[in-house]
């Protein structure tokens, strides 16, 4: 009876020891994933067989140092992103607000940076459009002067310049049409085609080049 009790006690202790060892192995495996010490969990467990507590202690120290280093790296990333984005608060203020949540802060600042870059890229395209329109229209001010005046309102500036361009193009068309009409009148006076210049111009509305060609044959 005593031997049976002893055996049961030993078996219970063995089960408890196996469970404890399994828990330690699991902890070692998790720490190895976090610290990446250069050896696998199995290699380390084989080297520290029976000394798992010491192995866990060493890995936890390594992990603590890694966390400190990672936090410092993240803080440096935050400072750089704040310099690039000017979010309205200093890096130190943001780091204090997001202590322990540096990843979220970096994510937010990165999104802000991407949005700002996209906005800057779009603005540069609009500025190029303005410069091209100024070259075509000669509005009386340089592109740089207009861009300074319409900073942040480039769409309105482009719209105004495009209206000016359309107006100038229409004026040029009218001038060219008047010139062609005068040519037609002069040719009609010279060749007497049987119809007046006004009748021919009405018939060839929009096709004045063809009329002039026919009258000069």
N, C-alpha and C. Protein backbone atom coordinates (compact mmCIF):
# COMPACT_ATOMS: atom_id res chain seq x y z
N UNK A 1 0.82 -1.20 0.00
CA UNK A 1 0.00 0.00 0.00
C UNK A 1 0.86 1.26 0.00
N UNK A 2 1.92 1.24 0.85
CA UNK A 2 2.84 2.39 0.89
C UNK A 2 3.56 2.58 -0.44
N UNK A 3 3.96 1.45 -1.04
CA UNK A 3 4.65 1.52 -2.33
C UNK A 3 3.73 2.07 -3.43
N UNK A 4 2.47 1.68 -3.35
CA UNK A 4 1.49 2.16 -4.33
C UNK A 4 1.32 3.67 -4.20
N UNK A 5 1.23 4.15 -2.94
CA UNK A 5 1.10 5.58 -2.72
C UNK A 5 2.33 6.33 -3.22
N UNK A 6 3.52 5.75 -2.96
CA UNK A 6 4.77 6.37 -3.40
C UNK A 6 4.83 6.44 -4.92
N UNK A 7 4.40 5.34 -5.54
CA UNK A 7 4.40 5.30 -7.00
C UNK A 7 3.47 6.36 -7.57
N UNK A 8 2.29 6.48 -7.00
CA UNK A 8 1.31 7.47 -7.46
C UNK A 8 1.85 8.88 -7.28
N UNK A 9 2.52 9.08 -6.12
CA UNK A 9 3.10 10.38 -5.84
C UNK A 9 4.19 10.72 -6.85
N UNK A 10 5.02 9.71 -7.17
CA UNK A 10 6.11 9.91 -8.13
C UNK A 10 5.56 10.20 -9.53
N UNK A 11 4.52 9.48 -9.88
CA UNK A 11 3.91 9.68 -11.20
C UNK A 11 3.31 11.09 -11.30
N UNK A 12 2.66 11.52 -10.20
CA UNK A 12 2.07 12.86 -10.18
C UNK A 12 3.15 13.93 -10.29
N UNK A 13 4.28 13.71 -9.59
CA UNK A 13 5.41 14.65 -9.66
C UNK A 13 6.01 14.68 -11.05
N UNK A 14 6.08 13.50 -11.67
CA UNK A 14 6.64 13.41 -13.02
C UNK A 14 5.78 14.18 -14.02
N UNK A 15 4.46 14.04 -13.86
CA UNK A 15 3.53 14.75 -14.76
C UNK A 15 3.68 16.25 -14.57
N UNK A 16 3.76 16.67 -13.28
CA UNK A 16 3.90 18.10 -12.98
C UNK A 16 5.22 18.63 -13.55
N UNK A 17 6.29 17.83 -13.40
CA UNK A 17 7.59 18.25 -13.91
C UNK A 17 7.57 18.34 -15.44
N UNK A 18 6.88 17.41 -16.09
CA UNK A 18 6.78 17.42 -17.56
C UNK A 18 6.00 18.65 -18.03
N UNK A 19 4.94 18.97 -17.29
CA UNK A 19 4.14 20.16 -17.64
C UNK A 19 4.96 21.42 -17.47
N UNK A 20 5.75 21.47 -16.36
CA UNK A 20 6.58 22.64 -16.10
C UNK A 20 7.65 22.78 -17.18
N UNK A 21 8.24 21.63 -17.55
CA UNK A 21 9.29 21.66 -18.58
C UNK A 21 8.70 22.10 -19.92
N UNK A 22 7.48 21.63 -20.23
CA UNK A 22 6.82 22.01 -21.49
C UNK A 22 6.54 23.51 -21.50
N UNK A 23 6.12 24.04 -20.32
CA UNK A 23 5.85 25.48 -20.23
C UNK A 23 7.13 26.28 -20.43
N UNK A 24 8.24 25.79 -19.87
CA UNK A 24 9.52 26.47 -20.04
C UNK A 24 9.98 26.43 -21.49
N UNK A 25 9.77 25.26 -22.13
CA UNK A 25 10.14 25.14 -23.56
C UNK A 25 9.35 26.14 -24.40
N UNK A 26 8.06 26.27 -24.05
CA UNK A 26 7.20 27.20 -24.78
C UNK A 26 7.67 28.64 -24.58
N UNK A 27 8.07 28.95 -23.35
CA UNK A 27 8.56 30.30 -23.05
C UNK A 27 9.86 30.58 -23.79
N UNK A 28 10.75 29.57 -23.81
CA UNK A 28 12.02 29.71 -24.54
C UNK A 28 11.75 29.94 -26.02
N UNK A 29 10.83 29.18 -26.58
CA UNK A 29 10.50 29.31 -28.00
C UNK A 29 9.99 30.72 -28.32
N UNK A 30 9.12 31.25 -27.43
CA UNK A 30 8.58 32.59 -27.64
C UNK A 30 9.67 33.65 -27.55
N UNK A 31 10.57 33.49 -26.58
CA UNK A 31 11.67 34.46 -26.41
C UNK A 31 12.64 34.41 -27.58
N UNK A 32 12.88 33.22 -28.09
CA UNK A 32 13.77 33.09 -29.25
C UNK A 32 13.16 33.81 -30.46
N UNK A 33 11.84 33.68 -30.64
CA UNK A 33 11.17 34.38 -31.75
C UNK A 33 11.32 35.90 -31.60
N UNK A 34 11.28 36.39 -30.36
CA UNK A 34 11.35 37.83 -30.12
C UNK A 34 12.77 38.37 -30.21
N UNK A 35 13.73 37.58 -29.74
CA UNK A 35 15.11 38.08 -29.63
C UNK A 35 16.00 37.68 -30.79
N UNK A 36 15.66 36.59 -31.47
CA UNK A 36 16.48 36.06 -32.58
C UNK A 36 17.97 36.01 -32.18
N UNK A 37 18.31 35.13 -31.24
CA UNK A 37 19.69 35.12 -30.71
C UNK A 37 20.73 34.48 -31.61
N UNK A 38 20.32 33.92 -32.73
CA UNK A 38 21.30 33.30 -33.64
C UNK A 38 21.30 31.78 -33.57
N UNK A 39 20.58 31.22 -32.61
CA UNK A 39 20.41 29.77 -32.51
C UNK A 39 18.93 29.48 -32.37
N UNK A 40 18.54 28.29 -32.79
CA UNK A 40 17.14 27.91 -32.69
C UNK A 40 16.80 27.57 -31.24
N UNK A 41 15.49 27.56 -30.95
CA UNK A 41 15.04 27.18 -29.61
C UNK A 41 15.49 25.77 -29.27
N UNK A 42 15.44 24.85 -30.22
CA UNK A 42 15.84 23.46 -29.96
C UNK A 42 17.33 23.37 -29.63
N UNK A 43 18.16 24.12 -30.35
CA UNK A 43 19.61 24.12 -30.07
C UNK A 43 19.87 24.62 -28.65
N UNK A 44 19.21 25.71 -28.29
CA UNK A 44 19.43 26.29 -26.96
C UNK A 44 18.92 25.37 -25.85
N UNK A 45 17.76 24.76 -26.08
CA UNK A 45 17.22 23.84 -25.09
C UNK A 45 18.12 22.63 -24.89
N UNK A 46 18.75 22.19 -25.98
CA UNK A 46 19.69 21.07 -25.86
C UNK A 46 20.93 21.49 -25.07
N UNK A 47 21.42 22.72 -25.33
CA UNK A 47 22.59 23.22 -24.63
C UNK A 47 22.30 23.46 -23.14
N UNK A 48 21.06 23.90 -22.83
CA UNK A 48 20.70 24.25 -21.45
C UNK A 48 19.77 23.19 -20.82
N UNK A 49 19.88 21.96 -21.26
CA UNK A 49 19.02 20.91 -20.72
C UNK A 49 19.21 20.82 -19.20
N UNK A 50 18.11 20.99 -18.48
CA UNK A 50 18.19 20.97 -17.02
C UNK A 50 18.48 22.34 -16.44
N UNK A 51 18.81 23.31 -17.30
CA UNK A 51 19.11 24.68 -16.84
C UNK A 51 18.21 25.68 -17.58
N UNK A 52 16.98 25.24 -17.82
CA UNK A 52 16.05 26.07 -18.59
C UNK A 52 15.80 27.44 -17.94
N UNK A 53 15.78 27.45 -16.58
CA UNK A 53 15.54 28.72 -15.88
C UNK A 53 16.62 29.74 -16.21
N UNK A 54 17.86 29.28 -16.26
CA UNK A 54 18.98 30.16 -16.59
C UNK A 54 18.86 30.65 -18.03
N UNK A 55 18.48 29.75 -18.93
CA UNK A 55 18.29 30.11 -20.34
C UNK A 55 17.20 31.18 -20.47
N UNK A 56 16.09 30.96 -19.77
CA UNK A 56 14.98 31.93 -19.83
C UNK A 56 15.43 33.29 -19.31
N UNK A 57 16.19 33.28 -18.20
CA UNK A 57 16.69 34.52 -17.62
C UNK A 57 17.57 35.27 -18.62
N UNK A 58 18.48 34.53 -19.29
CA UNK A 58 19.37 35.16 -20.28
C UNK A 58 18.60 35.75 -21.46
N UNK A 59 17.61 34.98 -21.92
CA UNK A 59 16.81 35.44 -23.06
C UNK A 59 15.95 36.65 -22.68
N UNK A 60 15.45 36.68 -21.47
CA UNK A 60 14.65 37.82 -21.03
C UNK A 60 15.50 39.09 -20.93
N UNK A 61 16.74 38.94 -20.48
CA UNK A 61 17.66 40.08 -20.45
C UNK A 61 17.90 40.60 -21.87
N UNK A 62 18.15 39.63 -22.76
CA UNK A 62 18.39 39.99 -24.16
C UNK A 62 17.16 40.68 -24.75
N UNK A 63 15.99 40.17 -24.42
CA UNK A 63 14.75 40.74 -24.94
C UNK A 63 14.53 42.15 -24.40
N UNK A 64 14.86 42.34 -23.11
CA UNK A 64 14.72 43.67 -22.50
C UNK A 64 15.60 44.69 -23.20
N UNK A 65 16.84 44.29 -23.50
CA UNK A 65 17.76 45.18 -24.21
C UNK A 65 17.25 45.48 -25.61
N UNK A 66 16.70 44.43 -26.24
CA UNK A 66 16.18 44.60 -27.60
C UNK A 66 14.99 45.56 -27.61
N UNK A 67 14.11 45.44 -26.60
CA UNK A 67 12.95 46.33 -26.53
C UNK A 67 13.38 47.79 -26.35
N UNK A 68 14.42 47.98 -25.51
CA UNK A 68 14.93 49.33 -25.30
C UNK A 68 15.49 49.90 -26.59
N UNK A 69 16.26 49.05 -27.31
CA UNK A 69 16.86 49.48 -28.58
C UNK A 69 15.78 49.74 -29.63
N UNK A 70 14.78 48.86 -29.67
CA UNK A 70 13.68 49.04 -30.63
C UNK A 70 12.93 50.35 -30.35
N UNK A 71 12.70 50.63 -29.08
CA UNK A 71 11.98 51.85 -28.71
C UNK A 71 12.79 53.08 -29.13
N UNK A 72 14.10 53.00 -28.89
CA UNK A 72 14.97 54.13 -29.28
C UNK A 72 14.93 54.35 -30.79
N UNK A 73 14.95 53.24 -31.54
CA UNK A 73 14.88 53.33 -33.01
C UNK A 73 13.55 53.94 -33.46
N UNK A 74 12.47 53.51 -32.79
CA UNK A 74 11.15 54.04 -33.13
C UNK A 74 11.06 55.53 -32.80
N UNK A 75 11.63 55.92 -31.68
CA UNK A 75 11.62 57.33 -31.30
C UNK A 75 12.39 58.16 -32.33
N UNK A 76 13.49 57.61 -32.83
CA UNK A 76 14.27 58.31 -33.85
C UNK A 76 13.46 58.45 -35.14
N UNK A 77 12.72 57.38 -35.49
CA UNK A 77 11.86 57.43 -36.68
C UNK A 77 10.79 58.50 -36.52
N UNK A 78 10.23 58.60 -35.32
CA UNK A 78 9.21 59.61 -35.04
C UNK A 78 9.78 61.01 -35.22
N UNK A 79 10.97 61.23 -34.66
CA UNK A 79 11.59 62.56 -34.76
C UNK A 79 11.82 62.95 -36.22
N UNK A 80 12.27 61.98 -37.02
CA UNK A 80 12.52 62.27 -38.44
C UNK A 80 11.21 62.58 -39.16
N UNK A 81 10.16 61.79 -38.88
CA UNK A 81 8.86 62.01 -39.53
C UNK A 81 8.26 63.35 -39.12
N UNK A 82 8.45 63.74 -37.86
CA UNK A 82 7.94 65.03 -37.39
C UNK A 82 8.66 66.17 -38.12
N UNK A 83 9.97 66.02 -38.31
CA UNK A 83 10.73 67.03 -39.05
C UNK A 83 10.20 67.17 -40.48
N UNK A 84 9.80 66.04 -41.07
CA UNK A 84 9.35 66.03 -42.47
C UNK A 84 7.92 66.51 -42.64
N UNK A 85 7.07 66.26 -41.63
CA UNK A 85 5.63 66.53 -41.79
C UNK A 85 5.13 67.77 -41.06
N UNK A 86 5.87 68.24 -40.04
CA UNK A 86 5.41 69.39 -39.23
C UNK A 86 3.96 69.24 -38.80
N UNK A 87 3.64 68.25 -37.96
CA UNK A 87 2.24 67.96 -37.63
C UNK A 87 1.59 68.93 -36.66
N UNK A 88 2.34 69.90 -36.14
CA UNK A 88 1.74 70.86 -35.21
C UNK A 88 2.11 70.62 -33.76
N UNK A 89 2.74 69.49 -33.48
CA UNK A 89 3.26 69.19 -32.15
C UNK A 89 4.70 68.72 -32.31
N UNK A 90 5.48 68.93 -31.27
CA UNK A 90 6.88 68.50 -31.33
C UNK A 90 6.96 66.99 -31.20
N UNK A 91 8.10 66.45 -31.61
CA UNK A 91 8.32 65.00 -31.50
C UNK A 91 8.20 64.55 -30.05
N UNK A 92 8.76 65.34 -29.14
CA UNK A 92 8.73 64.95 -27.73
C UNK A 92 7.31 64.94 -27.18
N UNK A 93 6.50 65.91 -27.61
CA UNK A 93 5.10 65.94 -27.17
C UNK A 93 4.35 64.70 -27.66
N UNK A 94 4.57 64.36 -28.93
CA UNK A 94 3.89 63.19 -29.51
C UNK A 94 4.38 61.89 -28.87
N UNK A 95 5.68 61.79 -28.60
CA UNK A 95 6.21 60.59 -27.98
C UNK A 95 5.65 60.41 -26.56
N UNK A 96 5.46 61.52 -25.86
CA UNK A 96 4.86 61.44 -24.52
C UNK A 96 3.41 60.97 -24.61
N UNK A 97 2.69 61.48 -25.62
CA UNK A 97 1.29 61.10 -25.80
C UNK A 97 1.13 59.64 -26.22
N UNK A 98 2.09 59.16 -27.03
CA UNK A 98 2.00 57.80 -27.58
C UNK A 98 2.99 56.84 -26.92
N UNK A 99 3.37 57.12 -25.68
CA UNK A 99 4.32 56.24 -25.00
C UNK A 99 3.77 54.81 -24.96
N UNK A 100 4.57 53.87 -25.50
CA UNK A 100 4.13 52.48 -25.57
C UNK A 100 3.31 52.18 -26.81
N UNK A 101 2.96 53.23 -27.55
CA UNK A 101 2.16 53.05 -28.79
C UNK A 101 2.88 53.72 -29.96
N UNK A 102 4.22 53.59 -29.94
CA UNK A 102 5.03 54.25 -30.97
C UNK A 102 4.69 53.75 -32.38
N UNK A 103 4.32 52.47 -32.48
CA UNK A 103 3.97 51.93 -33.81
C UNK A 103 2.78 52.67 -34.40
N UNK A 104 1.78 52.93 -33.57
CA UNK A 104 0.60 53.67 -34.04
C UNK A 104 0.99 55.09 -34.48
N UNK A 105 1.86 55.70 -33.70
CA UNK A 105 2.30 57.07 -34.02
C UNK A 105 3.05 57.09 -35.35
N UNK A 106 3.95 56.14 -35.53
CA UNK A 106 4.72 56.06 -36.78
C UNK A 106 3.78 55.84 -37.96
N UNK A 107 2.78 54.98 -37.76
CA UNK A 107 1.81 54.70 -38.83
C UNK A 107 1.05 55.97 -39.22
N UNK A 108 0.61 56.73 -38.21
CA UNK A 108 -0.14 57.97 -38.47
C UNK A 108 0.72 59.02 -39.18
N UNK A 109 1.96 59.15 -38.71
CA UNK A 109 2.86 60.14 -39.32
C UNK A 109 3.25 59.75 -40.74
N UNK A 110 3.39 58.45 -40.97
CA UNK A 110 3.72 57.96 -42.32
C UNK A 110 2.58 58.25 -43.28
N UNK A 111 1.34 58.04 -42.81
CA UNK A 111 0.16 58.37 -43.64
C UNK A 111 0.14 59.86 -43.96
N UNK A 112 0.44 60.68 -42.94
CA UNK A 112 0.46 62.12 -43.14
C UNK A 112 1.52 62.50 -44.17
N UNK A 113 2.68 61.88 -44.07
CA UNK A 113 3.77 62.16 -45.00
C UNK A 113 3.36 61.82 -46.44
N UNK A 114 2.75 60.65 -46.61
CA UNK A 114 2.31 60.22 -47.95
C UNK A 114 1.28 61.18 -48.52
N UNK A 115 0.35 61.63 -47.66
CA UNK A 115 -0.68 62.57 -48.11
C UNK A 115 -0.07 63.90 -48.51
N UNK A 116 0.90 64.36 -47.72
CA UNK A 116 1.57 65.63 -48.02
C UNK A 116 2.36 65.52 -49.32
N UNK A 117 3.01 64.37 -49.52
CA UNK A 117 3.79 64.18 -50.75
C UNK A 117 2.88 64.17 -51.97
N UNK A 118 1.72 63.53 -51.82
CA UNK A 118 0.76 63.49 -52.92
C UNK A 118 0.24 64.89 -53.24
N UNK A 119 -0.04 65.65 -52.17
CA UNK A 119 -0.51 67.03 -52.34
C UNK A 119 0.55 67.89 -53.02
N UNK A 120 1.81 67.71 -52.59
CA UNK A 120 2.91 68.48 -53.17
C UNK A 120 3.11 68.12 -54.64
N UNK A 121 2.96 66.83 -54.95
CA UNK A 121 3.10 66.39 -56.34
C UNK A 121 2.01 66.99 -57.22
N UNK A 122 0.78 66.98 -56.70
CA UNK A 122 -0.34 67.55 -57.46
C UNK A 122 -0.15 69.06 -57.64
N UNK A 123 0.35 69.72 -56.59
CA UNK A 123 0.59 71.16 -56.66
C UNK A 123 1.64 71.47 -57.71
N UNK A 124 2.69 70.64 -57.78
CA UNK A 124 3.76 70.85 -58.77
C UNK A 124 3.21 70.72 -60.19
N UNK A 125 2.30 69.77 -60.39
CA UNK A 125 1.68 69.59 -61.72
C UNK A 125 0.86 70.84 -62.09
N UNK A 126 0.10 71.35 -61.10
CA UNK A 126 -0.71 72.55 -61.35
C UNK A 126 0.18 73.75 -61.64
N UNK A 127 1.29 73.87 -60.91
CA UNK A 127 2.20 74.98 -61.14
C UNK A 127 2.79 74.92 -62.55
N UNK A 128 3.07 73.71 -63.01
CA UNK A 128 3.59 73.55 -64.37
C UNK A 128 2.55 73.97 -65.40
N UNK A 129 1.29 73.62 -65.12
CA UNK A 129 0.20 74.04 -66.02
C UNK A 129 0.09 75.56 -66.07
N UNK A 130 0.23 76.19 -64.91
CA UNK A 130 0.17 77.66 -64.84
C UNK A 130 1.28 78.27 -65.68
N UNK A 131 2.49 77.75 -65.53
CA UNK A 131 3.64 78.29 -66.28
C UNK A 131 3.41 78.18 -67.79
N UNK A 132 2.86 77.04 -68.21
CA UNK A 132 2.59 76.85 -69.64
C UNK A 132 1.52 77.83 -70.13
N UNK A 133 0.48 78.03 -69.34
CA UNK A 133 -0.59 78.95 -69.72
C UNK A 133 -0.12 80.40 -69.73
N UNK A 134 0.75 80.75 -68.80
CA UNK A 134 1.31 82.12 -68.77
C UNK A 134 2.15 82.36 -70.02
N UNK A 135 2.93 81.37 -70.41
CA UNK A 135 3.75 81.50 -71.63
C UNK A 135 2.86 81.72 -72.86
N UNK A 136 1.68 81.09 -72.87
CA UNK A 136 0.78 81.19 -74.02
C UNK A 136 -0.02 82.50 -74.01
N UNK A 137 -0.39 82.98 -72.81
CA UNK A 137 -1.31 84.11 -72.71
C UNK A 137 -0.66 85.47 -72.49
N UNK A 138 0.55 85.48 -71.90
CA UNK A 138 1.20 86.75 -71.53
C UNK A 138 0.23 87.66 -70.78
N UNK A 139 -0.19 87.26 -69.56
CA UNK A 139 -1.23 88.02 -68.84
C UNK A 139 -0.75 89.32 -68.20
N UNK A 140 0.54 89.62 -68.28
CA UNK A 140 1.03 90.87 -67.70
C UNK A 140 1.77 90.66 -66.39
N UNK A 141 1.70 89.46 -65.85
CA UNK A 141 2.47 89.09 -64.67
C UNK A 141 3.18 87.77 -64.94
N UNK A 142 4.30 87.58 -64.27
CA UNK A 142 5.04 86.33 -64.47
C UNK A 142 4.31 85.19 -63.79
N UNK A 143 4.66 83.97 -64.19
CA UNK A 143 4.05 82.79 -63.58
C UNK A 143 4.33 82.77 -62.08
N UNK A 144 5.55 83.11 -61.71
CA UNK A 144 5.91 83.07 -60.28
C UNK A 144 5.12 84.08 -59.48
N UNK A 145 4.89 85.26 -60.05
CA UNK A 145 4.08 86.27 -59.35
C UNK A 145 2.65 85.78 -59.15
N UNK A 146 2.09 85.19 -60.19
CA UNK A 146 0.72 84.69 -60.10
C UNK A 146 0.61 83.51 -59.12
N UNK A 147 1.61 82.63 -59.15
CA UNK A 147 1.60 81.49 -58.24
C UNK A 147 1.70 81.94 -56.79
N UNK A 148 2.46 83.00 -56.56
CA UNK A 148 2.56 83.54 -55.20
C UNK A 148 1.22 84.14 -54.77
N UNK A 149 0.56 84.83 -55.69
CA UNK A 149 -0.73 85.45 -55.39
C UNK A 149 -1.83 84.40 -55.16
N UNK A 150 -1.75 83.30 -55.90
CA UNK A 150 -2.80 82.28 -55.84
C UNK A 150 -2.34 81.02 -55.11
N UNK A 151 -1.39 81.17 -54.19
CA UNK A 151 -0.89 80.01 -53.46
C UNK A 151 -2.05 79.30 -52.74
N UNK A 152 -2.23 78.03 -53.04
CA UNK A 152 -3.34 77.28 -52.45
C UNK A 152 -4.63 77.41 -53.25
N UNK A 153 -4.62 78.30 -54.26
CA UNK A 153 -5.82 78.49 -55.10
C UNK A 153 -5.44 78.32 -56.58
N UNK A 154 -4.55 77.35 -56.81
CA UNK A 154 -4.04 77.14 -58.18
C UNK A 154 -5.16 76.77 -59.16
N UNK A 155 -6.19 76.05 -58.67
CA UNK A 155 -7.29 75.66 -59.56
C UNK A 155 -8.00 76.89 -60.12
N UNK A 156 -8.24 77.87 -59.26
CA UNK A 156 -8.90 79.10 -59.70
C UNK A 156 -8.02 79.85 -60.70
N UNK A 157 -6.72 79.86 -60.44
CA UNK A 157 -5.79 80.54 -61.36
C UNK A 157 -5.79 79.86 -62.72
N UNK A 158 -5.73 78.54 -62.72
CA UNK A 158 -5.74 77.80 -63.99
C UNK A 158 -7.04 78.07 -64.75
N UNK A 159 -8.15 78.09 -64.03
CA UNK A 159 -9.45 78.35 -64.67
C UNK A 159 -9.46 79.73 -65.33
N UNK A 160 -8.94 80.74 -64.62
CA UNK A 160 -8.89 82.10 -65.16
C UNK A 160 -8.00 82.18 -66.40
N UNK A 161 -6.84 81.52 -66.32
CA UNK A 161 -5.90 81.55 -67.45
C UNK A 161 -6.46 80.80 -68.66
N UNK A 162 -7.19 79.72 -68.40
CA UNK A 162 -7.80 78.96 -69.51
C UNK A 162 -8.91 79.79 -70.18
N UNK A 163 -9.66 80.55 -69.37
CA UNK A 163 -10.67 81.46 -69.95
C UNK A 163 -10.00 82.52 -70.82
N UNK A 164 -8.88 83.05 -70.29
CA UNK A 164 -8.14 84.06 -71.04
C UNK A 164 -7.61 83.48 -72.35
N UNK A 165 -7.12 82.25 -72.27
CA UNK A 165 -6.60 81.59 -73.47
C UNK A 165 -7.70 81.39 -74.51
N UNK A 166 -8.86 80.92 -74.04
CA UNK A 166 -9.99 80.69 -74.95
C UNK A 166 -10.44 82.00 -75.60
N UNK A 167 -10.46 83.07 -74.81
CA UNK A 167 -10.85 84.38 -75.32
C UNK A 167 -9.87 84.86 -76.39
N UNK A 168 -8.58 84.67 -76.12
CA UNK A 168 -7.55 85.09 -77.09
C UNK A 168 -7.63 84.26 -78.36
N UNK A 169 -7.90 82.96 -78.19
CA UNK A 169 -8.01 82.08 -79.37
C UNK A 169 -9.21 82.47 -80.22
N UNK A 170 -10.31 82.79 -79.56
CA UNK A 170 -11.50 83.22 -80.30
C UNK A 170 -11.25 84.53 -81.04
N UNK A 171 -10.52 85.43 -80.38
CA UNK A 171 -10.18 86.71 -81.00
C UNK A 171 -9.30 86.49 -82.23
N UNK A 172 -8.34 85.57 -82.10
CA UNK A 172 -7.46 85.26 -83.23
C UNK A 172 -8.24 84.66 -84.39
N UNK A 173 -9.21 83.79 -84.03
CA UNK A 173 -10.04 83.18 -85.06
C UNK A 173 -10.87 84.24 -85.78
N UNK A 174 -11.42 85.16 -84.98
CA UNK A 174 -12.23 86.23 -85.58
C UNK A 174 -11.37 87.10 -86.50
N UNK A 175 -10.15 87.39 -86.04
CA UNK A 175 -9.24 88.22 -86.84
C UNK A 175 -8.89 87.51 -88.14
N UNK A 176 -8.61 86.20 -88.03
CA UNK A 176 -8.26 85.42 -89.22
C UNK A 176 -9.44 85.33 -90.18
N UNK A 177 -10.63 85.15 -89.61
CA UNK A 177 -11.83 85.07 -90.45
C UNK A 177 -12.08 86.39 -91.17
N UNK A 178 -11.90 87.49 -90.44
CA UNK A 178 -12.07 88.81 -91.07
C UNK A 178 -11.08 89.00 -92.21
N UNK A 179 -9.85 88.54 -91.98
CA UNK A 179 -8.82 88.66 -93.02
C UNK A 179 -9.20 87.86 -94.26
N UNK A 180 -9.73 86.66 -94.04
CA UNK A 180 -10.14 85.82 -95.17
C UNK A 180 -11.33 86.45 -95.91
N UNK A 181 -12.25 87.02 -95.14
CA UNK A 181 -13.41 87.67 -95.77
C UNK A 181 -12.97 88.85 -96.63
N UNK A 182 -11.99 89.61 -96.13
CA UNK A 182 -11.47 90.72 -96.92
C UNK A 182 -10.81 90.22 -98.19
N UNK A 183 -10.11 89.08 -98.07
CA UNK A 183 -9.47 88.49 -99.26
C UNK A 183 -10.52 88.08 -100.27
N UNK A 184 -11.62 87.49 -99.77
CA UNK A 184 -12.71 87.07 -100.66
C UNK A 184 -13.31 88.29 -101.37
N UNK A 185 -13.56 89.36 -100.64
CA UNK A 185 -14.15 90.57 -101.24
C UNK A 185 -13.24 91.13 -102.33
N UNK A 186 -11.94 91.14 -102.04
CA UNK A 186 -10.99 91.66 -103.03
C UNK A 186 -10.99 90.78 -104.27
N UNK A 187 -11.04 89.46 -104.09
CA UNK A 187 -11.02 88.53 -105.23
C UNK A 187 -12.31 88.64 -106.03
N UNK A 188 -13.43 88.78 -105.34
CA UNK A 188 -14.72 88.92 -106.05
C UNK A 188 -14.73 90.18 -106.90
N UNK A 189 -14.17 91.25 -106.36
CA UNK A 189 -14.08 92.49 -107.14
C UNK A 189 -13.23 92.28 -108.39
N UNK A 190 -12.24 91.42 -108.28
CA UNK A 190 -11.33 91.21 -109.42
C UNK A 190 -11.85 90.25 -110.46
N UNK A 191 -12.59 89.22 -110.03
CA UNK A 191 -12.99 88.17 -111.00
C UNK A 191 -14.46 88.19 -111.38
N UNK A 192 -15.30 88.93 -110.63
CA UNK A 192 -16.74 89.02 -110.92
C UNK A 192 -17.34 87.63 -111.18
N UNK A 193 -17.46 86.78 -110.16
CA UNK A 193 -17.91 85.40 -110.36
C UNK A 193 -19.41 85.24 -110.59
N UNK A 194 -20.18 86.32 -110.55
CA UNK A 194 -21.63 86.21 -110.78
C UNK A 194 -22.42 86.26 -109.49
N UNK A 195 -21.76 86.19 -108.37
CA UNK A 195 -22.40 86.34 -107.08
C UNK A 195 -21.61 87.35 -106.27
N UNK A 196 -22.34 88.02 -105.38
CA UNK A 196 -21.64 89.02 -104.57
C UNK A 196 -20.75 88.33 -103.54
N UNK A 197 -19.82 89.08 -102.99
CA UNK A 197 -18.93 88.55 -101.95
C UNK A 197 -19.73 88.07 -100.75
N UNK A 198 -20.76 88.82 -100.37
CA UNK A 198 -21.55 88.45 -99.19
C UNK A 198 -22.31 87.15 -99.42
N UNK A 199 -22.83 86.98 -100.66
CA UNK A 199 -23.54 85.73 -100.97
C UNK A 199 -22.59 84.54 -100.89
N UNK A 200 -21.40 84.71 -101.46
CA UNK A 200 -20.42 83.62 -101.43
C UNK A 200 -19.95 83.32 -100.01
N UNK A 201 -19.76 84.35 -99.24
CA UNK A 201 -19.32 84.16 -97.85
C UNK A 201 -20.38 83.42 -97.03
N UNK A 202 -21.65 83.71 -97.33
CA UNK A 202 -22.74 83.00 -96.65
C UNK A 202 -22.74 81.52 -97.06
N UNK A 203 -22.55 81.28 -98.36
CA UNK A 203 -22.54 79.91 -98.86
C UNK A 203 -21.35 79.11 -98.32
N UNK A 204 -20.23 79.77 -98.15
CA UNK A 204 -18.98 79.09 -97.72
C UNK A 204 -18.62 79.39 -96.25
N UNK A 205 -19.66 79.65 -95.46
CA UNK A 205 -19.42 79.92 -94.04
C UNK A 205 -18.61 78.77 -93.40
N UNK A 206 -17.46 79.11 -92.85
CA UNK A 206 -16.60 78.09 -92.23
C UNK A 206 -15.71 77.40 -93.23
N UNK A 207 -15.89 77.68 -94.52
CA UNK A 207 -15.07 77.05 -95.57
C UNK A 207 -14.45 78.14 -96.45
N UNK A 208 -14.03 79.20 -95.80
CA UNK A 208 -13.50 80.35 -96.54
C UNK A 208 -12.24 79.97 -97.33
N UNK A 209 -11.44 79.05 -96.82
CA UNK A 209 -10.22 78.63 -97.53
C UNK A 209 -10.57 78.02 -98.88
N UNK A 210 -11.64 77.18 -98.90
CA UNK A 210 -12.06 76.59 -100.17
C UNK A 210 -12.55 77.65 -101.15
N UNK A 211 -13.27 78.63 -100.63
CA UNK A 211 -13.77 79.72 -101.48
C UNK A 211 -12.61 80.50 -102.09
N UNK A 212 -11.63 80.84 -101.24
CA UNK A 212 -10.47 81.59 -101.73
C UNK A 212 -9.73 80.78 -102.79
N UNK A 213 -9.61 79.48 -102.56
CA UNK A 213 -8.93 78.60 -103.51
C UNK A 213 -9.66 78.60 -104.86
N UNK A 214 -10.99 78.50 -104.79
CA UNK A 214 -11.78 78.49 -106.02
C UNK A 214 -11.68 79.82 -106.78
N UNK A 215 -11.67 80.93 -106.05
CA UNK A 215 -11.62 82.25 -106.67
C UNK A 215 -10.24 82.55 -107.26
N UNK A 216 -9.21 81.86 -106.79
CA UNK A 216 -7.86 82.14 -107.30
C UNK A 216 -7.46 81.18 -108.42
N UNK A 217 -8.35 80.26 -108.78
CA UNK A 217 -8.04 79.34 -109.88
C UNK A 217 -8.01 80.07 -111.21
